Structures are given as structure tokens and as C-alpha cells.
Amino acid sequence: MSAYSTCLRAAIVATALLVATTACSPIQPWVKPYEREHLADPIMALDRNPVSSTYIDHVFETREGARGATGAVGGGCGCN
């Protein structure tokens, strides 16, 4: 084996060990708990009109009892 292939093999093994050891480290959240309220603000939604989208979701859930898990409240009867 040449010196180049031995050095390359050592670099690959070192990289693999580095990746393996960093995969076991605890995941740190990027957003602090006190910053999450800003991300939950309706203005941060991707919709142009989040209030209208919430209302439309509520109407669809009211008419169709099988739909759900979109965040709107209500049942199949039309009540809140």
C-alpha cells in the first residue's frame, strides 16, 4: 500500500468515527421555550390570511365529521 492510500484510509476512518460520536450527542433545541410564543403567532403562518383559513377549516370539519386534526375546533353538529 502506498502512503497516500494509508493516509486516505485513516482520514475516512477518522471522519466515520467523528460522525458516529456526534450522532450520540444530545439534540439541543434551536428555539428556546420562551421564543416559541413568537413562532405560534398567526402572523408567522404561511397562509396569506390565517384567520380565514382557520374559519374555512372549521366549516369543512363541521360539514364533514370524518375530517380532523387540523387545529379547528368543533364537531359534526355545527357547534363550537
N, C-alpha and C. Protein backbone atom coordinates (compact mmCIF):
# COMPACT_ATOMS: atom_id res chain seq x y z
N MET A 1 0.84 -1.18 0.00
CA MET A 1 0.00 0.00 0.00
C MET A 1 0.88 1.25 0.00
N SER A 2 0.41 2.22 -0.68
CA SER A 2 1.17 3.45 -0.74
C SER A 2 0.82 4.32 0.47
N ALA A 3 1.61 5.32 0.69
CA ALA A 3 1.39 6.22 1.82
C ALA A 3 0.11 7.03 1.63
N TYR A 4 -0.21 7.32 0.37
CA TYR A 4 -1.42 8.10 0.07
C TYR A 4 -2.67 7.31 0.44
N SER A 5 -2.73 6.03 0.08
CA SER A 5 -3.91 5.23 0.37
C SER A 5 -4.05 4.99 1.88
N THR A 6 -2.93 4.85 2.58
CA THR A 6 -2.99 4.68 4.03
C THR A 6 -3.49 5.96 4.70
N CYS A 7 -3.03 7.09 4.23
CA CYS A 7 -3.48 8.37 4.77
C CYS A 7 -4.95 8.61 4.46
N LEU A 8 -5.37 8.24 3.26
CA LEU A 8 -6.77 8.39 2.88
C LEU A 8 -7.66 7.48 3.72
N ARG A 9 -7.24 6.26 3.93
CA ARG A 9 -7.99 5.32 4.76
C ARG A 9 -8.09 5.84 6.19
N ALA A 10 -7.03 6.39 6.72
CA ALA A 10 -7.04 6.93 8.08
C ALA A 10 -7.99 8.13 8.17
N ALA A 11 -8.02 8.96 7.14
CA ALA A 11 -8.91 10.11 7.13
C ALA A 11 -10.38 9.67 7.07
N ILE A 12 -10.65 8.63 6.29
CA ILE A 12 -12.03 8.12 6.20
C ILE A 12 -12.46 7.52 7.52
N VAL A 13 -11.60 6.76 8.16
CA VAL A 13 -11.92 6.16 9.46
C VAL A 13 -12.12 7.25 10.51
N ALA A 14 -11.27 8.27 10.50
CA ALA A 14 -11.41 9.36 11.46
C ALA A 14 -12.72 10.11 11.24
N THR A 15 -13.08 10.35 9.99
CA THR A 15 -14.35 11.03 9.68
C THR A 15 -15.53 10.19 10.13
N ALA A 16 -15.47 8.88 9.88
CA ALA A 16 -16.57 7.99 10.30
C ALA A 16 -16.71 7.97 11.82
N LEU A 17 -15.58 7.94 12.53
CA LEU A 17 -15.63 7.96 13.99
C LEU A 17 -16.18 9.28 14.51
N LEU A 18 -15.80 10.37 13.87
CA LEU A 18 -16.30 11.67 14.27
C LEU A 18 -17.81 11.76 14.08
N VAL A 19 -18.29 11.29 12.94
CA VAL A 19 -19.73 11.31 12.68
C VAL A 19 -20.46 10.39 13.67
N ALA A 20 -19.90 9.23 13.96
CA ALA A 20 -20.53 8.29 14.88
C ALA A 20 -20.61 8.86 16.29
N THR A 21 -19.59 9.57 16.73
CA THR A 21 -19.62 10.10 18.09
C THR A 21 -20.52 11.33 18.20
N THR A 22 -20.63 12.12 17.14
CA THR A 22 -21.50 13.29 17.22
C THR A 22 -22.96 12.90 17.08
N ALA A 23 -23.24 11.76 16.50
CA ALA A 23 -24.63 11.30 16.37
C ALA A 23 -25.21 10.94 17.73
N CYS A 24 -24.38 10.64 18.70
CA CYS A 24 -24.85 10.25 20.02
C CYS A 24 -25.02 11.44 20.96
N SER A 25 -24.65 12.61 20.53
CA SER A 25 -24.75 13.78 21.41
C SER A 25 -26.21 14.21 21.53
N PRO A 26 -26.58 14.80 22.66
CA PRO A 26 -27.98 15.23 22.83
C PRO A 26 -28.33 16.36 21.87
N ILE A 27 -29.55 16.34 21.42
CA ILE A 27 -30.01 17.36 20.48
C ILE A 27 -30.40 18.60 21.27
N GLN A 28 -29.83 19.73 20.90
CA GLN A 28 -30.15 20.98 21.55
C GLN A 28 -31.21 21.70 20.72
N PRO A 29 -32.28 22.16 21.35
CA PRO A 29 -33.30 22.86 20.56
C PRO A 29 -32.78 24.20 20.07
N TRP A 30 -33.15 24.54 18.83
CA TRP A 30 -32.71 25.81 18.26
C TRP A 30 -33.55 26.95 18.79
N VAL A 31 -34.78 26.65 19.15
CA VAL A 31 -35.69 27.68 19.64
C VAL A 31 -35.86 27.47 21.14
N LYS A 32 -35.62 28.51 21.88
CA LYS A 32 -35.79 28.45 23.32
C LYS A 32 -37.28 28.41 23.66
N PRO A 33 -37.65 27.84 24.81
CA PRO A 33 -39.07 27.75 25.15
C PRO A 33 -39.77 29.11 25.21
N TYR A 34 -39.06 30.14 25.63
CA TYR A 34 -39.69 31.46 25.72
C TYR A 34 -39.81 32.14 24.35
N GLU A 35 -39.16 31.58 23.32
CA GLU A 35 -39.26 32.13 21.97
C GLU A 35 -40.35 31.46 21.14
N ARG A 36 -40.91 30.36 21.64
CA ARG A 36 -41.89 29.60 20.87
C ARG A 36 -43.20 30.35 20.72
N GLU A 37 -43.50 31.25 21.62
CA GLU A 37 -44.74 32.00 21.51
C GLU A 37 -44.74 32.87 20.26
N HIS A 38 -43.57 33.32 19.83
CA HIS A 38 -43.49 34.15 18.62
C HIS A 38 -43.72 33.30 17.37
N LEU A 39 -43.29 32.04 17.39
CA LEU A 39 -43.50 31.17 16.24
C LEU A 39 -44.93 30.68 16.15
N ALA A 40 -45.66 30.67 17.27
CA ALA A 40 -47.06 30.25 17.26
C ALA A 40 -47.99 31.40 16.90
N ASP A 41 -47.45 32.58 16.71
CA ASP A 41 -48.26 33.74 16.35
C ASP A 41 -48.88 33.51 14.96
N PRO A 42 -50.16 33.84 14.77
CA PRO A 42 -50.77 33.62 13.46
C PRO A 42 -50.08 34.36 12.32
N ILE A 43 -49.39 35.43 12.60
CA ILE A 43 -48.72 36.17 11.53
C ILE A 43 -47.54 35.37 10.96
N MET A 44 -47.07 34.36 11.68
CA MET A 44 -45.96 33.53 11.21
C MET A 44 -46.44 32.39 10.31
N ALA A 45 -47.75 32.26 10.10
CA ALA A 45 -48.28 31.20 9.25
C ALA A 45 -47.92 31.45 7.79
N LEU A 46 -47.93 30.41 6.99
CA LEU A 46 -47.59 30.54 5.58
C LEU A 46 -48.78 31.00 4.75
N ASP A 47 -49.98 31.03 5.36
CA ASP A 47 -51.16 31.48 4.64
C ASP A 47 -51.16 33.00 4.55
N ARG A 48 -51.82 33.50 3.52
CA ARG A 48 -51.95 34.96 3.40
C ARG A 48 -52.94 35.48 4.43
N ASN A 49 -53.98 34.71 4.70
CA ASN A 49 -54.99 35.12 5.66
C ASN A 49 -55.26 33.96 6.61
N PRO A 50 -54.49 33.83 7.70
CA PRO A 50 -54.64 32.67 8.58
C PRO A 50 -55.99 32.62 9.29
N VAL A 51 -56.59 33.77 9.55
CA VAL A 51 -57.89 33.77 10.22
C VAL A 51 -58.94 33.16 9.29
N SER A 52 -58.92 33.54 8.03
CA SER A 52 -59.85 32.99 7.05
C SER A 52 -59.61 31.49 6.86
N SER A 53 -58.36 31.07 6.82
CA SER A 53 -58.06 29.65 6.66
C SER A 53 -58.56 28.84 7.85
N THR A 54 -58.44 29.39 9.06
CA THR A 54 -58.95 28.71 10.24
C THR A 54 -60.46 28.58 10.18
N TYR A 55 -61.13 29.63 9.74
CA TYR A 55 -62.58 29.58 9.62
C TYR A 55 -63.00 28.55 8.57
N ILE A 56 -62.34 28.53 7.43
CA ILE A 56 -62.68 27.57 6.38
C ILE A 56 -62.44 26.14 6.87
N ASP A 57 -61.35 25.92 7.58
CA ASP A 57 -61.10 24.59 8.16
C ASP A 57 -62.21 24.20 9.12
N HIS A 58 -62.67 25.15 9.92
CA HIS A 58 -63.75 24.87 10.85
C HIS A 58 -65.03 24.51 10.11
N VAL A 59 -65.32 25.22 9.03
CA VAL A 59 -66.52 24.93 8.24
C VAL A 59 -66.43 23.53 7.63
N PHE A 60 -65.28 23.18 7.07
CA PHE A 60 -65.11 21.85 6.49
C PHE A 60 -65.24 20.76 7.54
N GLU A 61 -64.66 20.98 8.73
CA GLU A 61 -64.78 19.98 9.79
C GLU A 61 -66.20 19.85 10.29
N THR A 62 -66.95 20.95 10.28
CA THR A 62 -68.33 20.91 10.73
C THR A 62 -69.18 20.10 9.76
N ARG A 63 -68.95 20.29 8.48
CA ARG A 63 -69.76 19.58 7.48
C ARG A 63 -69.34 18.13 7.32
N GLU A 64 -68.11 17.84 7.55
CA GLU A 64 -67.60 16.51 7.31
C GLU A 64 -67.04 15.97 8.62
N GLY A 65 -67.76 15.08 9.26
CA GLY A 65 -67.37 14.59 10.59
C GLY A 65 -66.12 13.74 10.58
N ALA A 66 -65.70 13.20 9.43
CA ALA A 66 -64.55 12.31 9.38
C ALA A 66 -63.23 13.06 9.33
N ARG A 67 -63.28 14.34 9.04
CA ARG A 67 -62.05 15.11 8.92
C ARG A 67 -61.63 15.63 10.28
N GLY A 68 -60.34 15.81 10.48
CA GLY A 68 -59.90 16.32 11.77
C GLY A 68 -58.41 16.53 11.82
N ALA A 69 -57.93 16.87 13.00
CA ALA A 69 -56.52 17.06 13.30
C ALA A 69 -55.91 18.21 12.52
N THR A 70 -56.72 19.24 12.19
CA THR A 70 -56.17 20.41 11.52
C THR A 70 -56.08 21.60 12.46
N GLY A 71 -56.57 21.47 13.67
CA GLY A 71 -56.46 22.56 14.63
C GLY A 71 -57.74 23.30 14.87
N ALA A 72 -58.73 23.15 14.01
CA ALA A 72 -60.01 23.82 14.23
C ALA A 72 -60.85 23.01 15.21
N VAL A 73 -61.66 23.70 15.98
CA VAL A 73 -62.49 23.02 16.97
C VAL A 73 -63.88 22.82 16.45
N GLY A 74 -64.57 21.87 17.03
CA GLY A 74 -65.97 21.66 16.68
C GLY A 74 -66.22 20.22 16.27
N GLY A 75 -67.48 19.88 16.23
CA GLY A 75 -67.88 18.54 15.85
C GLY A 75 -68.66 18.55 14.58
N GLY A 76 -69.46 17.53 14.36
CA GLY A 76 -70.25 17.43 13.16
C GLY A 76 -71.58 18.15 13.25
N CYS A 77 -71.90 18.73 14.42
CA CYS A 77 -73.21 19.34 14.61
C CYS A 77 -73.25 20.81 14.26
N GLY A 78 -72.14 21.47 14.11
CA GLY A 78 -72.11 22.89 13.80
C GLY A 78 -71.85 23.77 15.00
N CYS A 79 -71.67 23.19 16.15
CA CYS A 79 -71.40 23.98 17.35
C CYS A 79 -69.89 24.09 17.57
N ASN A 80 -69.50 25.01 18.43
CA ASN A 80 -68.08 25.17 18.71
C ASN A 80 -67.69 24.11 19.66
